[in-house]
């Protein structure tokens, strides 16, 4: 199994580093454009959530992004140093009362763009799986 990993301080501008990481993975593993777009959106959204909600924009806390390549899937594991969250009780972003709210769609997007989404360690770790 191939793997790559980066660790970044919780600064929103570091999303550029994540985008480069994904671009490198696309080139190294010859990912097709369809899956690449889904990966880019889902992984950057997850890292943004880790920076903003998990680590509360605290630049002394880090986000770890790991890529694991298997024969039939590519997995991205995003881990923050926050307190976690209750991923079983999230508001439905498609409910009428939430449609005009500016946030709350990140996990909804991830679940719709990935083949599998798993939360571990009380929400401090998110695993995004894409079948290849």
C-alpha atoms as a PDB file:
ATOM      1  CA  UNK A   1       0.000   0.000   0.000  1.00  0.00           C
ATOM      2  CA  UNK A   2       1.371   3.398  -0.998  1.00  0.00           C
ATOM      3  CA  UNK A   3       0.998   6.322   1.372  1.00  0.00           C
ATOM      4  CA  UNK A   4       1.914  10.001   1.691  1.00  0.00           C
ATOM      5  CA  UNK A   5       1.456  12.387   4.603  1.00  0.00           C
ATOM      6  CA  UNK A   6       1.732  16.079   5.396  1.00  0.00           C
ATOM      7  CA  UNK A   7       1.241  18.052   8.576  1.00  0.00           C
ATOM      8  CA  UNK A   8       0.209  21.703   8.465  1.00  0.00           C
ATOM      9  CA  UNK A   9      -0.394  24.383  11.109  1.00  0.00           C
ATOM     10  CA  UNK A  10      -4.037  25.437  11.429  1.00  0.00           C
ATOM     11  CA  UNK A  11      -3.886  28.483   9.173  1.00  0.00           C
ATOM     12  CA  UNK A  12      -6.524  28.834   6.433  1.00  0.00           C
ATOM     13  CA  UNK A  13      -3.908  29.879   3.865  1.00  0.00           C
ATOM     14  CA  UNK A  14      -2.358  26.411   4.193  1.00  0.00           C
ATOM     15  CA  UNK A  15      -5.193  25.046   2.059  1.00  0.00           C
ATOM     16  CA  UNK A  16      -2.861  25.822  -0.872  1.00  0.00           C
ATOM     17  CA  UNK A  17      -0.461  23.201   0.503  1.00  0.00           C
ATOM     18  CA  UNK A  18      -3.335  20.702   0.622  1.00  0.00           C
ATOM     19  CA  UNK A  19      -4.265  21.505  -2.976  1.00  0.00           C
ATOM     20  CA  UNK A  20      -0.654  20.891  -4.052  1.00  0.00           C
ATOM     21  CA  UNK A  21      -0.647  17.612  -2.113  1.00  0.00           C
ATOM     22  CA  UNK A  22      -3.756  16.497  -4.030  1.00  0.00           C
ATOM     23  CA  UNK A  23      -2.280  17.675  -7.347  1.00  0.00           C
ATOM     24  CA  UNK A  24       0.849  15.622  -6.649  1.00  0.00           C
ATOM     25  CA  UNK A  25      -1.284  12.573  -5.830  1.00  0.00           C
ATOM     26  CA  UNK A  26      -3.223  13.032  -9.085  1.00  0.00           C
ATOM     27  CA  UNK A  27       0.017  13.024 -11.072  1.00  0.00           C
ATOM     28  CA  UNK A  28       1.724  10.266  -9.092  1.00  0.00           C
ATOM     29  CA  UNK A  29      -1.240   7.867  -9.158  1.00  0.00           C
ATOM     30  CA  UNK A  30      -2.765   8.923 -12.514  1.00  0.00           C
ATOM     31  CA  UNK A  31      -6.160   9.773 -11.050  1.00  0.00           C
ATOM     32  CA  UNK A  32      -8.805  10.616 -13.634  1.00  0.00           C
ATOM     33  CA  UNK A  33     -10.352  14.071 -13.729  1.00  0.00           C
ATOM     34  CA  UNK A  34     -13.774  13.009 -12.374  1.00  0.00           C
ATOM     35  CA  UNK A  35     -12.428  11.548  -9.145  1.00  0.00           C
ATOM     36  CA  UNK A  36      -9.819  14.322  -8.877  1.00  0.00           C
ATOM     37  CA  UNK A  37     -12.515  17.021  -8.690  1.00  0.00           C
ATOM     38  CA  UNK A  38     -14.431  15.146  -6.000  1.00  0.00           C
ATOM     39  CA  UNK A  39     -11.231  14.564  -4.022  1.00  0.00           C
ATOM     40  CA  UNK A  40     -10.190  18.212  -4.253  1.00  0.00           C
ATOM     41  CA  UNK A  41     -13.531  19.507  -2.960  1.00  0.00           C
ATOM     42  CA  UNK A  42     -14.068  16.879  -0.239  1.00  0.00           C
ATOM     43  CA  UNK A  43     -10.518  16.871   1.139  1.00  0.00           C
ATOM     44  CA  UNK A  44     -10.095  20.656   1.173  1.00  0.00           C
ATOM     45  CA  UNK A  45     -13.496  20.984   2.862  1.00  0.00           C
ATOM     46  CA  UNK A  46     -12.492  18.440   5.484  1.00  0.00           C
ATOM     47  CA  UNK A  47      -9.148  20.158   6.146  1.00  0.00           C
ATOM     48  CA  UNK A  48     -10.937  23.525   6.367  1.00  0.00           C
ATOM     49  CA  UNK A  49     -13.300  22.023   8.955  1.00  0.00           C
ATOM     50  CA  UNK A  50     -10.323  20.636  10.895  1.00  0.00           C
ATOM     51  CA  UNK A  51      -8.622  24.048  10.889  1.00  0.00           C
ATOM     52  CA  UNK A  52     -11.715  26.138  11.712  1.00  0.00           C
ATOM     53  CA  UNK A  53     -13.928  23.895  13.827  1.00  0.00           C
ATOM     54  CA  UNK A  54     -11.524  21.270  15.173  1.00  0.00           C
ATOM     55  CA  UNK A  55      -8.473  23.376  15.972  1.00  0.00           C
ATOM     56  CA  UNK A  56     -10.387  26.691  16.235  1.00  0.00           C
ATOM     57  CA  UNK A  57      -7.861  28.454  13.935  1.00  0.00           C
ATOM     58  CA  UNK A  58      -5.154  27.913  16.570  1.00  0.00           C
ATOM     59  CA  UNK A  59      -1.906  28.012  14.564  1.00  0.00           C
ATOM     60  CA  UNK A  60      -0.081  26.083  17.298  1.00  0.00           C
ATOM     61  CA  UNK A  61      -2.299  23.067  16.533  1.00  0.00           C
ATOM     62  CA  UNK A  62      -1.742  20.963  13.445  1.00  0.00           C
ATOM     63  CA  UNK A  63      -3.818  19.100  10.904  1.00  0.00           C
ATOM     64  CA  UNK A  64      -2.425  15.843   9.557  1.00  0.00           C
ATOM     65  CA  UNK A  65      -3.447  14.733   6.072  1.00  0.00           C
ATOM     66  CA  UNK A  66      -2.622  11.168   5.098  1.00  0.00           C
ATOM     67  CA  UNK A  67      -3.215   9.469   1.754  1.00  0.00           C
ATOM     68  CA  UNK A  68      -3.478   5.681   1.563  1.00  0.00           C
ATOM     69  CA  UNK A  69      -3.617   4.005  -1.835  1.00  0.00           C
ATOM     70  CA  UNK A  70      -4.954   0.471  -2.091  1.00  0.00           C
ATOM     71  CA  UNK A  71      -5.655  -1.581  -5.210  1.00  0.00           C
ATOM     72  CA  UNK A  72      -9.296  -0.493  -5.406  1.00  0.00           C
ATOM     73  CA  UNK A  73      -9.497   2.725  -3.379  1.00  0.00           C
ATOM     74  CA  UNK A  74      -7.714   5.889  -2.391  1.00  0.00           C
ATOM     75  CA  UNK A  75      -8.291   7.089   1.172  1.00  0.00           C
ATOM     76  CA  UNK A  76      -7.595  10.445   2.749  1.00  0.00           C
ATOM     77  CA  UNK A  77      -7.415  10.625   6.535  1.00  0.00           C
ATOM     78  CA  UNK A  78      -7.680  14.101   8.076  1.00  0.00           C
ATOM     79  CA  UNK A  79      -6.887  14.496  11.767  1.00  0.00           C
ATOM     80  CA  UNK A  80      -7.048  17.571  13.999  1.00  0.00           C
ATOM     81  CA  UNK A  81      -6.071  18.275  17.599  1.00  0.00           C
ATOM     82  CA  UNK A  82      -9.481  19.549  18.693  1.00  0.00           C
ATOM     83  CA  UNK A  83     -12.036  18.162  21.119  1.00  0.00           C
ATOM     84  CA  UNK A  84     -14.087  16.332  18.473  1.00  0.00           C
ATOM     85  CA  UNK A  85     -17.770  16.749  17.668  1.00  0.00           C
ATOM     86  CA  UNK A  86     -21.011  14.794  17.623  1.00  0.00           C
ATOM     87  CA  UNK A  87     -21.146  13.737  13.971  1.00  0.00           C
ATOM     88  CA  UNK A  88     -24.344  11.737  14.574  1.00  0.00           C
ATOM     89  CA  UNK A  89     -26.414  14.842  15.385  1.00  0.00           C
ATOM     90  CA  UNK A  90     -25.732  17.362  12.650  1.00  0.00           C
ATOM     91  CA  UNK A  91     -28.460  19.652  11.316  1.00  0.00           C
ATOM     92  CA  UNK A  92     -29.758  18.747   7.852  1.00  0.00           C
ATOM     93  CA  UNK A  93     -28.494  21.468   5.481  1.00  0.00           C
ATOM     94  CA  UNK A  94     -31.351  20.696   3.071  1.00  0.00           C
ATOM     95  CA  UNK A  95     -34.049  21.383   5.685  1.00  0.00           C
ATOM     96  CA  UNK A  96     -36.014  24.567   4.892  1.00  0.00           C
ATOM     97  CA  UNK A  97     -34.875  26.321   8.085  1.00  0.00           C
ATOM     98  CA  UNK A  98     -31.206  25.777   7.129  1.00  0.00           C
ATOM     99  CA  UNK A  99     -31.249  26.709   3.446  1.00  0.00           C
ATOM    100  CA  UNK A 100     -30.303  30.356   4.007  1.00  0.00           C
ATOM    101  CA  UNK A 101     -27.580  29.641   6.568  1.00  0.00           C
ATOM    102  CA  UNK A 102     -24.073  30.382   5.258  1.00  0.00           C
ATOM    103  CA  UNK A 103     -22.420  27.217   6.643  1.00  0.00           C
ATOM    104  CA  UNK A 104     -23.223  23.663   7.592  1.00  0.00           C
ATOM    105  CA  UNK A 105     -22.836  21.969   4.210  1.00  0.00           C
ATOM    106  CA  UNK A 106     -19.282  20.611   4.449  1.00  0.00           C
ATOM    107  CA  UNK A 107     -20.044  17.150   5.771  1.00  0.00           C
ATOM    108  CA  UNK A 108     -23.095  16.937   3.494  1.00  0.00           C
ATOM    109  CA  UNK A 109     -20.770  17.649   0.530  1.00  0.00           C
ATOM    110  CA  UNK A 110     -18.219  15.080   1.699  1.00  0.00           C
ATOM    111  CA  UNK A 111     -20.862  12.385   2.040  1.00  0.00           C
ATOM    112  CA  UNK A 112     -22.139  13.109  -1.464  1.00  0.00           C
ATOM    113  CA  UNK A 113     -18.728  13.290  -3.166  1.00  0.00           C
ATOM    114  CA  UNK A 114     -17.032  10.321  -1.475  1.00  0.00           C
ATOM    115  CA  UNK A 115     -17.833   6.639  -1.735  1.00  0.00           C
ATOM    116  CA  UNK A 116     -17.387   6.255   2.034  1.00  0.00           C
ATOM    117  CA  UNK A 117     -17.003   8.693   4.930  1.00  0.00           C
ATOM    118  CA  UNK A 118     -16.045   7.554   8.414  1.00  0.00           C
ATOM    119  CA  UNK A 119     -15.514   9.544  11.601  1.00  0.00           C
ATOM    120  CA  UNK A 120     -13.107   8.227  14.221  1.00  0.00           C
ATOM    121  CA  UNK A 121     -11.803   9.276  17.626  1.00  0.00           C
ATOM    122  CA  UNK A 122     -14.935  11.274  18.539  1.00  0.00           C
ATOM    123  CA  UNK A 123     -14.767  13.255  15.286  1.00  0.00           C
ATOM    124  CA  UNK A 124     -11.117  14.291  15.492  1.00  0.00           C
ATOM    125  CA  UNK A 125     -10.384  12.091  12.485  1.00  0.00           C
ATOM    126  CA  UNK A 126     -12.278  11.858   9.203  1.00  0.00           C
ATOM    127  CA  UNK A 127     -11.610   9.189   6.590  1.00  0.00           C
ATOM    128  CA  UNK A 128     -12.703   9.881   3.018  1.00  0.00           C
ATOM    129  CA  UNK A 129     -12.685   6.922   0.643  1.00  0.00           C
ATOM    130  CA  UNK A 130     -12.875   7.047  -3.164  1.00  0.00           C
ATOM    131  CA  UNK A 131     -13.083   3.864  -5.222  1.00  0.00           C
ATOM    132  CA  UNK A 132     -10.706   3.748  -8.167  1.00  0.00           C
END
